[in-house]
Amino acid sequence: MALGPAVKAISKATVRSDFNDLEAVVHYTRAAHTLGLWASEQILIERYFPDRGARLLEAGCGAGRGCVGLWELGYRHLHAFDFAEELLMQAESLVIERKAQVHLFPADATALDRCDTLRDAVFDGVLFLFNGLMQIPLRRSRRRALRGLAARCRPGGTLLFTTHDRDSTPTEQAMWRLEALRWARGEQDPRLREFGDRYFEEAGTGRTFMHLPDRAEILADLAATGWRPVYDAMRSEIASESRAVRDFSDDCRFWIAVRT
């Protein structure tokens, strides 16, 4: 009996292709135009980035929701990048529409040492919003991204990012206990590369890769990459979000860390 084609493991190329897909581009562009910054994002940005004159870098800016939201809060020295060309073009259109001044450029968060735009740049703070860090396959690559961002942030500078959390609710804990059994039996989705990975498709959103860590994993990754954690909490503990935001995104954990 003839065998089907080999199943390919999730890679950086998979994630880039998924973000450049029309369905995903429409989904994230709509959010950039209609949602703006979440209430929880704005609270933490204003708390931990109080200087509107700070030089800020947004990684994984997508269609521009975060960087344009920062501009509208009064931040005036903004750089932002993404590795999905189609999303970056949408961000450029939004910047023009809102008359914002944001330096947008293409870059890969796992290869910032190869980015000429950032060669001599030093920032006061960096942001990686809406679980962007967790959409990088492989823990070693996520750590490479964290190191790259640390190298471009001044000592004492601030990092804000979000993750999901495998231990956030009893339901999540039960689901991941079952998933651990699948991995132990070798019955996990063959496209996945590490425990905690998910790859799913939703109508109107497209295909999404996401790594869901537990809190200990993130604490270890920060310690290994030049960051000291100073705050973390679930979004639902920080603010009551609008229905539109809750429809757009499940609850997630916010992290604040300082460059050591």
C-alpha atoms as a PDB file:
ATOM      1  CA  MET A   1       0.000   0.000   0.000  1.00  0.00           C
ATOM      2  CA  ALA A   2       1.376   3.404  -0.961  1.00  0.00           C
ATOM      3  CA  LEU A   3       2.103   5.749   1.930  1.00  0.00           C
ATOM      4  CA  GLY A   4       0.977   9.373   1.924  1.00  0.00           C
ATOM      5  CA  PRO A   5       3.428  12.252   1.989  1.00  0.00           C
ATOM      6  CA  ALA A   6       5.456  12.648   5.162  1.00  0.00           C
ATOM      7  CA  VAL A   7       3.959  15.017   7.734  1.00  0.00           C
ATOM      8  CA  LYS A   8       6.159  18.068   8.131  1.00  0.00           C
ATOM      9  CA  ALA A   9       6.961  19.454  11.551  1.00  0.00           C
ATOM     10  CA  ILE A  10       5.981  23.047  12.293  1.00  0.00           C
ATOM     11  CA  SER A  11       8.770  25.439  11.316  1.00  0.00           C
ATOM     12  CA  LYS A  12       9.401  29.158  11.096  1.00  0.00           C
ATOM     13  CA  ALA A  13       8.440  28.952   7.428  1.00  0.00           C
ATOM     14  CA  THR A  14       5.084  27.403   8.417  1.00  0.00           C
ATOM     15  CA  VAL A  15       4.332  30.264  10.794  1.00  0.00           C
ATOM     16  CA  ARG A  16       5.330  32.919   8.245  1.00  0.00           C
ATOM     17  CA  SER A  17       3.149  31.307   5.601  1.00  0.00           C
ATOM     18  CA  ASP A  18       0.189  31.143   7.976  1.00  0.00           C
ATOM     19  CA  PHE A  19       0.512  34.823   8.892  1.00  0.00           C
ATOM     20  CA  ASN A  20       0.768  35.800   5.230  1.00  0.00           C
ATOM     21  CA  ASP A  21      -2.380  33.822   4.385  1.00  0.00           C
ATOM     22  CA  LEU A  22      -5.303  36.018   3.319  1.00  0.00           C
ATOM     23  CA  GLU A  23      -7.639  34.814   6.073  1.00  0.00           C
ATOM     24  CA  ALA A  24      -5.104  35.653   8.796  1.00  0.00           C
ATOM     25  CA  VAL A  25      -4.234  39.006   7.212  1.00  0.00           C
ATOM     26  CA  VAL A  26      -7.901  40.040   7.143  1.00  0.00           C
ATOM     27  CA  HIS A  27      -8.387  38.877  10.754  1.00  0.00           C
ATOM     28  CA  TYR A  28      -5.441  40.804  12.187  1.00  0.00           C
ATOM     29  CA  THR A  29      -6.003  43.858  10.013  1.00  0.00           C
ATOM     30  CA  ARG A  30      -9.601  44.114  11.208  1.00  0.00           C
ATOM     31  CA  ALA A  31      -8.396  43.948  14.816  1.00  0.00           C
ATOM     32  CA  ALA A  32      -5.764  46.624  14.180  1.00  0.00           C
ATOM     33  CA  HIS A  33      -8.409  48.981  12.796  1.00  0.00           C
ATOM     34  CA  THR A  34     -11.140  48.319  15.352  1.00  0.00           C
ATOM     35  CA  LEU A  35      -9.702  47.117  18.668  1.00  0.00           C
ATOM     36  CA  GLY A  36      -6.641  49.227  19.341  1.00  0.00           C
ATOM     37  CA  LEU A  37      -4.834  48.523  22.586  1.00  0.00           C
ATOM     38  CA  TRP A  38      -6.602  46.311  25.109  1.00  0.00           C
ATOM     39  CA  ALA A  39      -7.469  47.877  28.472  1.00  0.00           C
ATOM     40  CA  SER A  40      -4.943  45.560  30.167  1.00  0.00           C
ATOM     41  CA  GLU A  41      -2.206  46.506  27.687  1.00  0.00           C
ATOM     42  CA  GLN A  42      -2.803  50.204  28.214  1.00  0.00           C
ATOM     43  CA  ILE A  43      -2.736  49.850  32.004  1.00  0.00           C
ATOM     44  CA  LEU A  44       0.626  48.061  31.980  1.00  0.00           C
ATOM     45  CA  ILE A  45       2.150  50.240  29.271  1.00  0.00           C
ATOM     46  CA  GLU A  46       1.331  53.405  31.187  1.00  0.00           C
ATOM     47  CA  ARG A  47       2.559  51.844  34.441  1.00  0.00           C
ATOM     48  CA  TYR A  48       5.869  50.421  33.207  1.00  0.00           C
ATOM     49  CA  PHE A  49       6.643  52.778  30.295  1.00  0.00           C
ATOM     50  CA  PRO A  50       5.766  56.140  31.880  1.00  0.00           C
ATOM     51  CA  ASP A  51       8.141  58.217  29.708  1.00  0.00           C
ATOM     52  CA  ARG A  52       6.377  59.171  26.473  1.00  0.00           C
ATOM     53  CA  GLY A  53       9.779  60.162  25.098  1.00  0.00           C
ATOM     54  CA  ALA A  54      11.244  56.670  25.532  1.00  0.00           C
ATOM     55  CA  ARG A  55      12.630  54.830  22.515  1.00  0.00           C
ATOM     56  CA  LEU A  56      10.439  51.747  22.171  1.00  0.00           C
ATOM     57  CA  LEU A  57      10.699  48.682  19.949  1.00  0.00           C
ATOM     58  CA  GLU A  58       7.738  46.449  19.165  1.00  0.00           C
ATOM     59  CA  ALA A  59       8.549  42.934  17.993  1.00  0.00           C
ATOM     60  CA  GLY A  60       5.994  41.088  15.893  1.00  0.00           C
ATOM     61  CA  CYS A  61       3.921  44.190  15.211  1.00  0.00           C
ATOM     62  CA  GLY A  62       1.584  42.393  12.799  1.00  0.00           C
ATOM     63  CA  ALA A  63      -0.918  44.754  11.185  1.00  0.00           C
ATOM     64  CA  GLY A  64       0.023  47.623  13.491  1.00  0.00           C
ATOM     65  CA  ARG A  65      -2.480  47.373  16.346  1.00  0.00           C
ATOM     66  CA  GLY A  66       0.158  47.825  19.055  1.00  0.00           C
ATOM     67  CA  CYS A  67       2.514  50.389  17.566  1.00  0.00           C
ATOM     68  CA  VAL A  68      -0.292  52.632  16.313  1.00  0.00           C
ATOM     69  CA  GLY A  69      -1.957  52.289  19.717  1.00  0.00           C
ATOM     70  CA  LEU A  70       1.299  53.422  21.323  1.00  0.00           C
ATOM     71  CA  TRP A  71       1.432  56.435  19.015  1.00  0.00           C
ATOM     72  CA  GLU A  72      -2.126  57.343  19.964  1.00  0.00           C
ATOM     73  CA  LEU A  73      -1.118  57.188  23.655  1.00  0.00           C
ATOM     74  CA  GLY A  74       1.542  59.813  22.959  1.00  0.00           C
ATOM     75  CA  TYR A  75       4.729  57.774  22.476  1.00  0.00           C
ATOM     76  CA  ARG A  76       6.811  59.437  19.795  1.00  0.00           C
ATOM     77  CA  HIS A  77       9.962  57.315  19.278  1.00  0.00           C
ATOM     78  CA  LEU A  78       8.615  54.047  17.947  1.00  0.00           C
ATOM     79  CA  HIS A  79      10.207  51.269  15.930  1.00  0.00           C
ATOM     80  CA  ALA A  80       8.312  48.105  14.997  1.00  0.00           C
ATOM     81  CA  PHE A  81       9.003  45.015  12.914  1.00  0.00           C
ATOM     82  CA  ASP A  82       7.416  41.815  11.680  1.00  0.00           C
ATOM     83  CA  PHE A  83       8.568  38.922   9.490  1.00  0.00           C
ATOM     84  CA  ALA A  84       5.216  38.466   7.698  1.00  0.00           C
ATOM     85  CA  GLU A  85       5.364  40.703   4.642  1.00  0.00           C
ATOM     86  CA  GLU A  86       1.605  40.905   4.096  1.00  0.00           C
ATOM     87  CA  LEU A  87       0.921  41.962   7.688  1.00  0.00           C
ATOM     88  CA  LEU A  88       3.700  44.533   7.594  1.00  0.00           C
ATOM     89  CA  MET A  89       2.138  46.127   4.508  1.00  0.00           C
ATOM     90  CA  GLN A  90      -1.131  46.396   6.425  1.00  0.00           C
ATOM     91  CA  ALA A  91       0.713  48.049   9.316  1.00  0.00           C
ATOM     92  CA  GLU A  92       2.219  50.554   6.903  1.00  0.00           C
ATOM     93  CA  SER A  93      -1.259  51.398   5.582  1.00  0.00           C
ATOM     94  CA  LEU A  94      -2.624  51.868   9.107  1.00  0.00           C
ATOM     95  CA  VAL A  95       0.285  54.126  10.061  1.00  0.00           C
ATOM     96  CA  ILE A  96      -0.435  56.325   7.048  1.00  0.00           C
ATOM     97  CA  GLU A  97      -4.185  56.346   7.718  1.00  0.00           C
ATOM     98  CA  ARG A  98      -3.744  57.375  11.364  1.00  0.00           C
ATOM     99  CA  LYS A  99      -0.951  59.850  10.551  1.00  0.00           C
ATOM    100  CA  ALA A 100       1.317  58.071  12.996  1.00  0.00           C
ATOM    101  CA  GLN A 101       5.097  58.196  12.869  1.00  0.00           C
ATOM    102  CA  VAL A 102       6.418  54.686  13.362  1.00  0.00           C
ATOM    103  CA  HIS A 103       9.583  53.303  11.809  1.00  0.00           C
ATOM    104  CA  LEU A 104       8.408  49.980  10.381  1.00  0.00           C
ATOM    105  CA  PHE A 105      10.815  47.433   8.939  1.00  0.00           C
ATOM    106  CA  PRO A 106      11.001  43.711   8.170  1.00  0.00           C
ATOM    107  CA  ALA A 107      12.912  41.515  10.619  1.00  0.00           C
ATOM    108  CA  ASP A 108      12.914  38.076  12.189  1.00  0.00           C
ATOM    109  CA  ALA A 109      12.857  38.105  16.003  1.00  0.00           C
ATOM    110  CA  THR A 110      15.105  35.028  16.059  1.00  0.00           C
ATOM    111  CA  ALA A 111      17.779  36.681  13.883  1.00  0.00           C
ATOM    112  CA  LEU A 112      18.016  40.278  15.075  1.00  0.00           C
ATOM    113  CA  ASP A 113      21.804  40.181  14.783  1.00  0.00           C
ATOM    114  CA  ARG A 114      21.304  40.076  10.995  1.00  0.00           C
ATOM    115  CA  CYS A 115      19.036  43.138  10.899  1.00  0.00           C
ATOM    116  CA  ASP A 116      20.907  46.176   9.576  1.00  0.00           C
ATOM    117  CA  THR A 117      18.198  48.521  10.852  1.00  0.00           C
ATOM    118  CA  LEU A 118      18.957  47.463  14.431  1.00  0.00           C
ATOM    119  CA  ARG A 119      22.732  47.189  14.126  1.00  0.00           C
ATOM    120  CA  ASP A 120      23.588  50.100  16.462  1.00  0.00           C
ATOM    121  CA  ALA A 121      20.154  50.726  17.958  1.00  0.00           C
ATOM    122  CA  VAL A 122      19.536  50.819  21.707  1.00  0.00           C
ATOM    123  CA  PHE A 123      16.018  51.065  23.114  1.00  0.00           C
ATOM    124  CA  ASP A 124      14.554  51.988  26.485  1.00  0.00           C
ATOM    125  CA  GLY A 125      11.949  49.257  26.254  1.00  0.00           C
ATOM    126  CA  VAL A 126      10.617  46.479  24.064  1.00  0.00           C
ATOM    127  CA  LEU A 127       7.181  44.946  23.630  1.00  0.00           C
ATOM    128  CA  PHE A 128       6.101  41.602  22.155  1.00  0.00           C
ATOM    129  CA  LEU A 129       2.312  41.767  22.310  1.00  0.00           C
ATOM    130  CA  PHE A 130      -0.476  39.206  21.841  1.00  0.00           C
ATOM    131  CA  ASN A 131       1.564  36.049  22.457  1.00  0.00           C
ATOM    132  CA  GLY A 132       3.902  36.761  19.554  1.00  0.00           C
ATOM    133  CA  LEU A 133       6.877  35.232  21.348  1.00  0.00           C
ATOM    134  CA  MET A 134       4.947  32.002  21.818  1.00  0.00           C
ATOM    135  CA  GLN A 135       4.306  31.734  18.085  1.00  0.00           C
ATOM    136  CA  ILE A 136       7.991  31.004  17.532  1.00  0.00           C
ATOM    137  CA  PRO A 137       8.529  27.237  17.231  1.00  0.00           C
ATOM    138  CA  LEU A 138      11.162  25.658  19.521  1.00  0.00           C
ATOM    139  CA  ARG A 139      12.252  26.849  22.935  1.00  0.00           C
ATOM    140  CA  ARG A 140      15.820  27.465  21.803  1.00  0.00           C
ATOM    141  CA  SER A 141      14.487  29.855  19.138  1.00  0.00           C
ATOM    142  CA  ARG A 142      12.283  31.687  21.647  1.00  0.00           C
ATOM    143  CA  ARG A 143      15.328  32.103  23.866  1.00  0.00           C
ATOM    144  CA  ARG A 144      17.293  33.399  20.870  1.00  0.00           C
ATOM    145  CA  ALA A 145      14.603  36.033  20.369  1.00  0.00           C
ATOM    146  CA  LEU A 146      14.713  37.047  24.035  1.00  0.00           C
ATOM    147  CA  ARG A 147      18.507  37.364  23.886  1.00  0.00           C
ATOM    148  CA  GLY A 148      18.292  39.426  20.716  1.00  0.00           C
ATOM    149  CA  LEU A 149      15.814  41.815  22.290  1.00  0.00           C
ATOM    150  CA  ALA A 150      17.949  42.085  25.432  1.00  0.00           C
ATOM    151  CA  ALA A 151      20.969  42.984  23.293  1.00  0.00           C
ATOM    152  CA  ARG A 152      19.035  45.937  21.880  1.00  0.00           C
ATOM    153  CA  CYS A 153      17.677  47.194  25.198  1.00  0.00           C
ATOM    154  CA  ARG A 154      19.597  49.344  27.650  1.00  0.00           C
ATOM    155  CA  PRO A 155      20.337  47.908  31.106  1.00  0.00           C
ATOM    156  CA  GLY A 156      17.287  48.575  33.246  1.00  0.00           C
ATOM    157  CA  GLY A 157      15.035  48.756  30.202  1.00  0.00           C
ATOM    158  CA  THR A 158      11.627  47.064  30.295  1.00  0.00           C
ATOM    159  CA  LEU A 159      10.149  44.147  28.363  1.00  0.00           C
ATOM    160  CA  LEU A 160       6.392  43.516  28.144  1.00  0.00           C
ATOM    161  CA  PHE A 161       5.038  40.343  26.581  1.00  0.00           C
ATOM    162  CA  THR A 162       2.229  37.824  26.938  1.00  0.00           C
ATOM    163  CA  THR A 163       1.867  34.056  26.956  1.00  0.00           C
ATOM    164  CA  HIS A 164      -0.883  31.560  27.544  1.00  0.00           C
ATOM    165  CA  ASP A 165      -0.530  29.434  30.687  1.00  0.00           C
ATOM    166  CA  ARG A 166      -1.007  25.663  30.863  1.00  0.00           C
ATOM    167  CA  ASP A 167      -1.803  25.883  34.571  1.00  0.00           C
ATOM    168  CA  SER A 168      -4.170  28.875  34.526  1.00  0.00           C
ATOM    169  CA  THR A 169      -7.397  26.932  35.150  1.00  0.00           C
ATOM    170  CA  PRO A 170      -8.414  23.437  36.292  1.00  0.00           C
ATOM    171  CA  THR A 171      -9.732  22.808  32.773  1.00  0.00           C
ATOM    172  CA  GLU A 172      -6.357  23.665  31.230  1.00  0.00           C
ATOM    173  CA  GLN A 173      -4.568  21.466  33.760  1.00  0.00           C
ATOM    174  CA  ALA A 174      -6.820  18.502  32.970  1.00  0.00           C
ATOM    175  CA  MET A 175      -6.417  18.988  29.226  1.00  0.00           C
ATOM    176  CA  TRP A 176      -2.641  19.067  29.469  1.00  0.00           C
ATOM    177  CA  ARG A 177      -2.557  15.962  31.690  1.00  0.00           C
ATOM    178  CA  LEU A 178      -4.299  14.142  28.844  1.00  0.00           C
ATOM    179  CA  GLU A 179      -1.903  15.650  26.328  1.00  0.00           C
ATOM    180  CA  ALA A 180       1.056  14.478  28.428  1.00  0.00           C
ATOM    181  CA  LEU A 181      -0.285  10.925  28.175  1.00  0.00           C
ATOM    182  CA  ARG A 182      -0.471  11.253  24.394  1.00  0.00           C
ATOM    183  CA  TRP A 183       3.155  12.397  24.270  1.00  0.00           C
ATOM    184  CA  ALA A 184       4.211   9.554  26.569  1.00  0.00           C
ATOM    185  CA  ARG A 185       2.568   7.070  24.170  1.00  0.00           C
ATOM    186  CA  GLY A 186       3.944   8.834  21.079  1.00  0.00           C
ATOM    187  CA  GLU A 187       0.413   9.661  19.918  1.00  0.00           C
ATOM    188  CA  GLN A 188       0.732  13.457  19.765  1.00  0.00           C
ATOM    189  CA  ASP A 189       0.150  15.467  16.594  1.00  0.00           C
ATOM    190  CA  PRO A 190       3.280  14.640  14.540  1.00  0.00           C
ATOM    191  CA  ARG A 191       3.564  18.256  13.408  1.00  0.00           C
ATOM    192  CA  LEU A 192       4.298  19.374  16.970  1.00  0.00           C
ATOM    193  CA  ARG A 193       7.881  19.496  18.197  1.00  0.00           C
ATOM    194  CA  GLU A 194       7.704  20.223  21.937  1.00  0.00           C
ATOM    195  CA  PHE A 195       5.256  19.505  24.718  1.00  0.00           C
ATOM    196  CA  GLY A 196       3.057  22.582  25.062  1.00  0.00           C
ATOM    197  CA  ASP A 197       2.753  23.143  21.311  1.00  0.00           C
ATOM    198  CA  ARG A 198      -0.618  23.524  19.634  1.00  0.00           C
ATOM    199  CA  TYR A 199      -1.547  23.940  15.973  1.00  0.00           C
ATOM    200  CA  PHE A 200      -5.151  24.659  15.129  1.00  0.00           C
ATOM    201  CA  GLU A 201      -7.417  26.292  12.581  1.00  0.00           C
ATOM    202  CA  GLU A 202     -10.439  28.508  13.191  1.00  0.00           C
ATOM    203  CA  ALA A 203     -12.890  29.888  10.653  1.00  0.00           C
ATOM    204  CA  GLY A 204     -12.152  33.559  10.061  1.00  0.00           C
ATOM    205  CA  THR A 205      -8.755  33.374  11.741  1.00  0.00           C
ATOM    206  CA  GLY A 206      -6.742  30.852   9.765  1.00  0.00           C
ATOM    207  CA  ARG A 207      -4.089  28.457  11.015  1.00  0.00           C
ATOM    208  CA  THR A 208      -2.280  29.263  14.247  1.00  0.00           C
ATOM    209  CA  PHE A 209       0.786  27.764  15.882  1.00  0.00           C
ATOM    210  CA  MET A 210       1.112  28.506  19.590  1.00  0.00           C
ATOM    211  CA  HIS A 211       3.339  27.206  22.364  1.00  0.00           C
ATOM    212  CA  LEU A 212       1.626  27.202  25.748  1.00  0.00           C
ATOM    213  CA  PRO A 213       4.210  27.262  28.553  1.00  0.00           C
ATOM    214  CA  ASP A 214       3.822  26.987  32.274  1.00  0.00           C
ATOM    215  CA  ARG A 215       5.068  29.758  34.553  1.00  0.00           C
ATOM    216  CA  ALA A 216       8.275  27.934  35.518  1.00  0.00           C
ATOM    217  CA  GLU A 217       9.300  27.641  31.869  1.00  0.00           C
ATOM    218  CA  ILE A 218       9.060  31.401  31.301  1.00  0.00           C
ATOM    219  CA  LEU A 219      10.904  32.220  34.518  1.00  0.00           C
ATOM    220  CA  ALA A 220      13.765  29.949  33.414  1.00  0.00           C
ATOM    221  CA  ASP A 221      13.816  31.442  29.911  1.00  0.00           C
ATOM    222  CA  LEU A 222      14.006  34.997  31.242  1.00  0.00           C
ATOM    223  CA  ALA A 223      16.828  34.104  33.639  1.00  0.00           C
ATOM    224  CA  ALA A 224      18.782  32.494  30.797  1.00  0.00           C
ATOM    225  CA  THR A 225      18.461  35.412  28.388  1.00  0.00           C
ATOM    226  CA  GLY A 226      19.325  38.569  30.306  1.00  0.00           C
ATOM    227  CA  TRP A 227      15.974  39.495  31.848  1.00  0.00           C
ATOM    228  CA  ARG A 228      14.749  39.742  35.444  1.00  0.00           C
ATOM    229  CA  PRO A 229      10.985  39.236  35.923  1.00  0.00           C
ATOM    230  CA  VAL A 230       9.265  41.897  38.015  1.00  0.00           C
ATOM    231  CA  TYR A 231       5.549  41.233  37.459  1.00  0.00           C
ATOM    232  CA  ASP A 232       3.166  38.697  35.981  1.00  0.00           C
ATOM    233  CA  ALA A 233      -0.606  38.286  36.113  1.00  0.00           C
ATOM    234  CA  MET A 234      -3.447  36.960  34.029  1.00  0.00           C
ATOM    235  CA  ARG A 235      -5.191  39.530  31.858  1.00  0.00           C
ATOM    236  CA  SER A 236      -8.469  38.943  33.701  1.00  0.00           C
ATOM    237  CA  GLU A 237      -6.746  40.023  36.926  1.00  0.00           C
ATOM    238  CA  ILE A 238      -5.575  43.303  35.395  1.00  0.00           C
ATOM    239  CA  ALA A 239      -8.653  44.644  33.633  1.00  0.00           C
ATOM    240  CA  SER A 240     -12.181  43.839  32.553  1.00  0.00           C
ATOM    241  CA  GLU A 241     -11.901  43.716  28.783  1.00  0.00           C
ATOM    242  CA  SER A 242     -14.608  44.508  26.262  1.00  0.00           C
ATOM    243  CA  ARG A 243     -16.576  41.714  24.634  1.00  0.00           C
ATOM    244  CA  ALA A 244     -14.760  42.455  21.371  1.00  0.00           C
ATOM    245  CA  VAL A 245     -11.367  41.858  22.982  1.00  0.00           C
ATOM    246  CA  ARG A 246     -12.581  38.686  24.728  1.00  0.00           C
ATOM    247  CA  ASP A 247     -13.912  37.397  21.410  1.00  0.00           C
ATOM    248  CA  PHE A 248     -10.577  38.188  19.763  1.00  0.00           C
ATOM    249  CA  SER A 249      -8.369  36.549  22.384  1.00  0.00           C
ATOM    250  CA  ASP A 250      -8.602  34.111  25.273  1.00  0.00           C
ATOM    251  CA  ASP A 251      -7.225  35.070  28.661  1.00  0.00           C
ATOM    252  CA  CYS A 252      -3.432  35.268  28.720  1.00  0.00           C
ATOM    253  CA  ARG A 253      -0.615  35.979  31.154  1.00  0.00           C
ATOM    254  CA  PHE A 254       1.169  39.335  31.029  1.00  0.00           C
ATOM    255  CA  TRP A 255       4.860  39.469  31.870  1.00  0.00           C
ATOM    256  CA  ILE A 256       7.052  42.450  32.757  1.00  0.00           C
ATOM    257  CA  ALA A 257      10.826  41.949  32.934  1.00  0.00           C
ATOM    258  CA  VAL A 258      13.815  44.260  33.280  1.00  0.00           C
ATOM    259  CA  ARG A 259      17.069  44.038  31.320  1.00  0.00           C
ATOM    260  CA  THR A 260      19.854  42.953  33.671  1.00  0.00           C
END
